C-alpha atoms as a PDB file:
ATOM      1  CA  MET A   1      -0.113  -0.013  -0.082  1.00  0.00           C
ATOM      2  CA  PHE A   2       1.262   3.385  -0.849  1.00  0.00           C
ATOM      3  CA  PRO A   3       1.081   6.344   1.571  1.00  0.00           C
ATOM      4  CA  GLN A   4      -1.645   9.269   0.509  1.00  0.00           C
ATOM      5  CA  ILE A   5      -0.853  12.687  -0.019  1.00  0.00           C
ATOM      6  CA  HIS A   6      -2.173  14.218   3.069  1.00  0.00           C
ATOM      7  CA  SER A   7      -1.649  18.349   2.162  1.00  0.00           C
ATOM      8  CA  VAL A   8       0.676  20.446   0.287  1.00  0.00           C
ATOM      9  CA  VAL A   9       1.687  23.923   1.633  1.00  0.00           C
ATOM     10  CA  VAL A  10       0.083  27.375   0.148  1.00  0.00           C
ATOM     11  CA  VAL A  11       1.399  30.360   1.715  1.00  0.00           C
ATOM     12  CA  VAL A  12      -0.784  33.180   2.832  1.00  0.00           C
ATOM     13  CA  PRO A  13      -0.064  36.188   4.954  1.00  0.00           C
ATOM     14  CA  ASP A  14      -3.477  36.247   6.667  1.00  0.00           C
ATOM     15  CA  GLN A  15      -5.033  32.555   7.780  1.00  0.00           C
ATOM     16  CA  ASP A  16      -8.749  33.966   8.520  1.00  0.00           C
ATOM     17  CA  ALA A  17      -9.031  35.818   5.466  1.00  0.00           C
ATOM     18  CA  ALA A  18      -7.597  32.655   3.609  1.00  0.00           C
ATOM     19  CA  LEU A  19     -10.244  30.322   5.239  1.00  0.00           C
ATOM     20  CA  ASP A  20     -13.129  32.751   4.269  1.00  0.00           C
ATOM     21  CA  PHE A  21     -11.927  32.861   0.699  1.00  0.00           C
ATOM     22  CA  TYR A  22     -11.507  29.167   0.588  1.00  0.00           C
ATOM     23  CA  THR A  23     -14.772  28.080   2.192  1.00  0.00           C
ATOM     24  CA  ARG A  24     -17.189  30.869   1.312  1.00  0.00           C
ATOM     25  CA  ILE A  25     -16.103  31.997  -1.946  1.00  0.00           C
ATOM     26  CA  LEU A  26     -14.647  28.717  -3.327  1.00  0.00           C
ATOM     27  CA  GLY A  27     -17.072  26.381  -1.395  1.00  0.00           C
ATOM     28  CA  TRP A  28     -14.135  24.254  -0.057  1.00  0.00           C
ATOM     29  CA  GLU A  29     -14.314  22.506   3.465  1.00  0.00           C
ATOM     30  CA  LYS A  30     -12.388  23.392   6.416  1.00  0.00           C
ATOM     31  CA  ARG A  31     -10.727  19.857   7.364  1.00  0.00           C
ATOM     32  CA  TYR A  32      -7.711  20.763  10.211  1.00  0.00           C
ATOM     33  CA  ASP A  33      -7.790  23.937  12.381  1.00  0.00           C
ATOM     34  CA  ASN A  34      -5.299  23.162  15.040  1.00  0.00           C
ATOM     35  CA  GLN A  35      -3.007  25.443  17.451  1.00  0.00           C
ATOM     36  CA  MET A  36       0.272  23.801  17.334  1.00  0.00           C
ATOM     37  CA  SER A  37       2.518  26.232  19.061  1.00  0.00           C
ATOM     38  CA  PRO A  38       1.814  29.678  20.092  1.00  0.00           C
ATOM     39  CA  ASP A  39       2.902  30.823  16.833  1.00  0.00           C
ATOM     40  CA  TYR A  40       1.854  27.924  14.292  1.00  0.00           C
ATOM     41  CA  ARG A  41      -1.640  27.301  13.312  1.00  0.00           C
ATOM     42  CA  PHE A  42      -2.126  24.472  11.180  1.00  0.00           C
ATOM     43  CA  LEU A  43      -5.073  24.935   8.875  1.00  0.00           C
ATOM     44  CA  THR A  44      -6.054  22.819   5.956  1.00  0.00           C
ATOM     45  CA  VAL A  45      -9.048  23.259   3.426  1.00  0.00           C
ATOM     46  CA  VAL A  46     -10.106  20.802   0.587  1.00  0.00           C
ATOM     47  CA  PRO A  47     -12.610  20.619  -2.374  1.00  0.00           C
ATOM     48  CA  PRO A  48     -15.582  18.574  -1.409  1.00  0.00           C
ATOM     49  CA  GLY A  49     -15.254  14.972  -1.822  1.00  0.00           C
ATOM     50  CA  LEU A  50     -11.484  14.779  -1.575  1.00  0.00           C
ATOM     51  CA  ASN A  51      -8.574  13.493   0.907  1.00  0.00           C
ATOM     52  CA  ALA A  52      -5.580  15.663  -0.307  1.00  0.00           C
ATOM     53  CA  GLY A  53      -5.887  18.970   1.672  1.00  0.00           C
ATOM     54  CA  ILE A  54      -4.138  22.507   0.774  1.00  0.00           C
ATOM     55  CA  ALA A  55      -2.292  23.571   4.372  1.00  0.00           C
ATOM     56  CA  LEU A  56      -2.869  27.474   4.586  1.00  0.00           C
ATOM     57  CA  GLY A  57       0.548  28.163   5.898  1.00  0.00           C
ATOM     58  CA  PRO A  58       2.158  31.275   7.316  1.00  0.00           C
ATOM     59  CA  ALA A  59       5.045  32.725   6.208  1.00  0.00           C
ATOM     60  CA  HIS A  60       7.250  33.077   9.213  1.00  0.00           C
ATOM     61  CA  ILE A  61       6.751  28.949   9.411  1.00  0.00           C
ATOM     62  CA  HIS A  62       7.026  28.308   5.941  1.00  0.00           C
ATOM     63  CA  GLY A  63      10.271  30.586   5.272  1.00  0.00           C
ATOM     64  CA  TYR A  64       8.881  32.347   2.112  1.00  0.00           C
ATOM     65  CA  GLU A  65       5.998  35.068   1.639  1.00  0.00           C
ATOM     66  CA  ALA A  66       2.886  34.785  -0.664  1.00  0.00           C
ATOM     67  CA  PRO A  67       3.654  36.278  -3.793  1.00  0.00           C
ATOM     68  CA  GLY A  68       0.722  39.057  -3.572  1.00  0.00           C
ATOM     69  CA  PRO A  69      -1.795  40.103  -6.074  1.00  0.00           C
ATOM     70  CA  ASP A  70       0.137  41.936  -8.226  1.00  0.00           C
ATOM     71  CA  ASN A  71       2.855  39.241  -8.762  1.00  0.00           C
ATOM     72  CA  PRO A  72       0.758  36.055  -8.954  1.00  0.00           C
ATOM     73  CA  LYS A  73       2.804  32.738  -9.235  1.00  0.00           C
ATOM     74  CA  ASP A  74       1.736  29.114 -10.039  1.00  0.00           C
ATOM     75  CA  VAL A  75       1.586  27.254  -6.665  1.00  0.00           C
ATOM     76  CA  GLY A  76       1.924  23.673  -8.691  1.00  0.00           C
ATOM     77  CA  ILE A  77      -1.142  22.542  -7.965  1.00  0.00           C
ATOM     78  CA  ASN A  78      -3.237  21.281 -10.585  1.00  0.00           C
ATOM     79  CA  LEU A  79      -7.022  20.921 -10.418  1.00  0.00           C
ATOM     80  CA  VAL A  80      -9.578  19.194 -12.109  1.00  0.00           C
ATOM     81  CA  ALA A  81     -13.223  19.738 -12.200  1.00  0.00           C
ATOM     82  CA  PRO A  82     -16.445  18.275 -13.666  1.00  0.00           C
ATOM     83  CA  ASP A  83     -17.519  21.665 -15.268  1.00  0.00           C
ATOM     84  CA  VAL A  84     -14.709  24.257 -15.461  1.00  0.00           C
ATOM     85  CA  ARG A  85     -17.037  26.721 -17.373  1.00  0.00           C
ATOM     86  CA  SER A  86     -19.685  26.771 -14.906  1.00  0.00           C
ATOM     87  CA  LEU A  87     -17.140  26.858 -12.050  1.00  0.00           C
ATOM     88  CA  HIS A  88     -15.681  29.931 -13.857  1.00  0.00           C
ATOM     89  CA  GLU A  89     -19.263  31.668 -14.079  1.00  0.00           C
ATOM     90  CA  GLN A  90     -19.954  30.777 -10.749  1.00  0.00           C
ATOM     91  CA  TRP A  91     -16.692  32.337  -9.139  1.00  0.00           C
ATOM     92  CA  THR A  92     -16.592  34.926 -11.175  1.00  0.00           C
ATOM     93  CA  ALA A  93     -19.795  36.128  -9.649  1.00  0.00           C
ATOM     94  CA  ASN A  94     -18.283  35.634  -6.448  1.00  0.00           C
ATOM     95  CA  GLY A  95     -15.151  37.826  -7.043  1.00  0.00           C
ATOM     96  CA  VAL A  96     -12.739  35.339  -7.815  1.00  0.00           C
ATOM     97  CA  ALA A  97      -9.676  36.499 -10.220  1.00  0.00           C
ATOM     98  CA  PHE A  98      -9.041  35.075 -13.679  1.00  0.00           C
ATOM     99  CA  ASP A  99      -6.181  35.596 -15.708  1.00  0.00           C
ATOM    100  CA  MET A 100      -7.126  32.642 -18.083  1.00  0.00           C
ATOM    101  CA  PRO A 101     -10.940  32.283 -19.310  1.00  0.00           C
ATOM    102  CA  PRO A 102     -12.397  28.764 -20.034  1.00  0.00           C
ATOM    103  CA  THR A 103      -9.742  28.004 -23.130  1.00  0.00           C
ATOM    104  CA  PRO A 104     -10.419  24.984 -25.242  1.00  0.00           C
ATOM    105  CA  MET A 105      -7.496  22.587 -24.169  1.00  0.00           C
ATOM    106  CA  PRO A 106      -5.725  19.918 -27.240  1.00  0.00           C
ATOM    107  CA  TRP A 107      -6.569  16.777 -24.935  1.00  0.00           C
ATOM    108  CA  GLY A 108     -10.530  17.931 -24.677  1.00  0.00           C
ATOM    109  CA  GLY A 109     -12.138  19.997 -22.420  1.00  0.00           C
ATOM    110  CA  TYR A 110     -11.600  23.541 -21.314  1.00  0.00           C
ATOM    111  CA  ALA A 111      -9.048  25.048 -18.555  1.00  0.00           C
ATOM    112  CA  VAL A 112      -8.567  27.803 -16.645  1.00  0.00           C
ATOM    113  CA  ARG A 113      -6.290  29.923 -14.359  1.00  0.00           C
ATOM    114  CA  PHE A 114      -7.311  31.302 -10.963  1.00  0.00           C
ATOM    115  CA  MET A 115      -5.935  33.208  -8.332  1.00  0.00           C
ATOM    116  CA  ASP A 116      -6.858  33.514  -4.441  1.00  0.00           C
ATOM    117  CA  PRO A 117      -6.365  36.945  -3.017  1.00  0.00           C
ATOM    118  CA  PHE A 118      -2.880  36.509  -1.988  1.00  0.00           C
ATOM    119  CA  GLY A 119      -1.510  35.893  -5.467  1.00  0.00           C
ATOM    120  CA  ASN A 120      -1.394  31.911  -5.228  1.00  0.00           C
ATOM    121  CA  ARG A 121      -2.120  31.015  -8.877  1.00  0.00           C
ATOM    122  CA  TYR A 122      -4.084  27.401  -9.838  1.00  0.00           C
ATOM    123  CA  PHE A 123      -4.774  25.553 -13.136  1.00  0.00           C
ATOM    124  CA  MET A 124      -8.121  24.006 -13.248  1.00  0.00           C
ATOM    125  CA  THR A 125      -9.413  21.857 -15.925  1.00  0.00           C
ATOM    126  CA  ASP A 126     -12.359  19.420 -17.159  1.00  0.00           C
ATOM    127  CA  ALA A 127     -12.417  16.093 -16.081  1.00  0.00           C
ATOM    128  CA  GLN A 128     -11.829  13.858 -18.892  1.00  0.00           C
END
């Protein structure tokens, strides 16, 4: 049996604001919220129905800052959704920033790129 991926870190400057964005705006679920030490809160969010999560980590623990909304950077996390065009429409109405609208992909389906308010950029494509 292979181990499973528990979580990957995405650095955010404000964990409460990040939790609000990922849960209220994107509709993801809070999985863990544990105070590990006086200056370290382990906080994860997960898209509904999935196991692997994203740890919304503070810069002072992980050694680097979030890129910032004026300098977005890919987090290296690629997501798959049943219908990217519908999510794009819904999330745009919720105020999510996209720098690539639904675009046809060579393998079929559509893909988008969106950012959290801290400049962390994700790639998402339709399930194929």
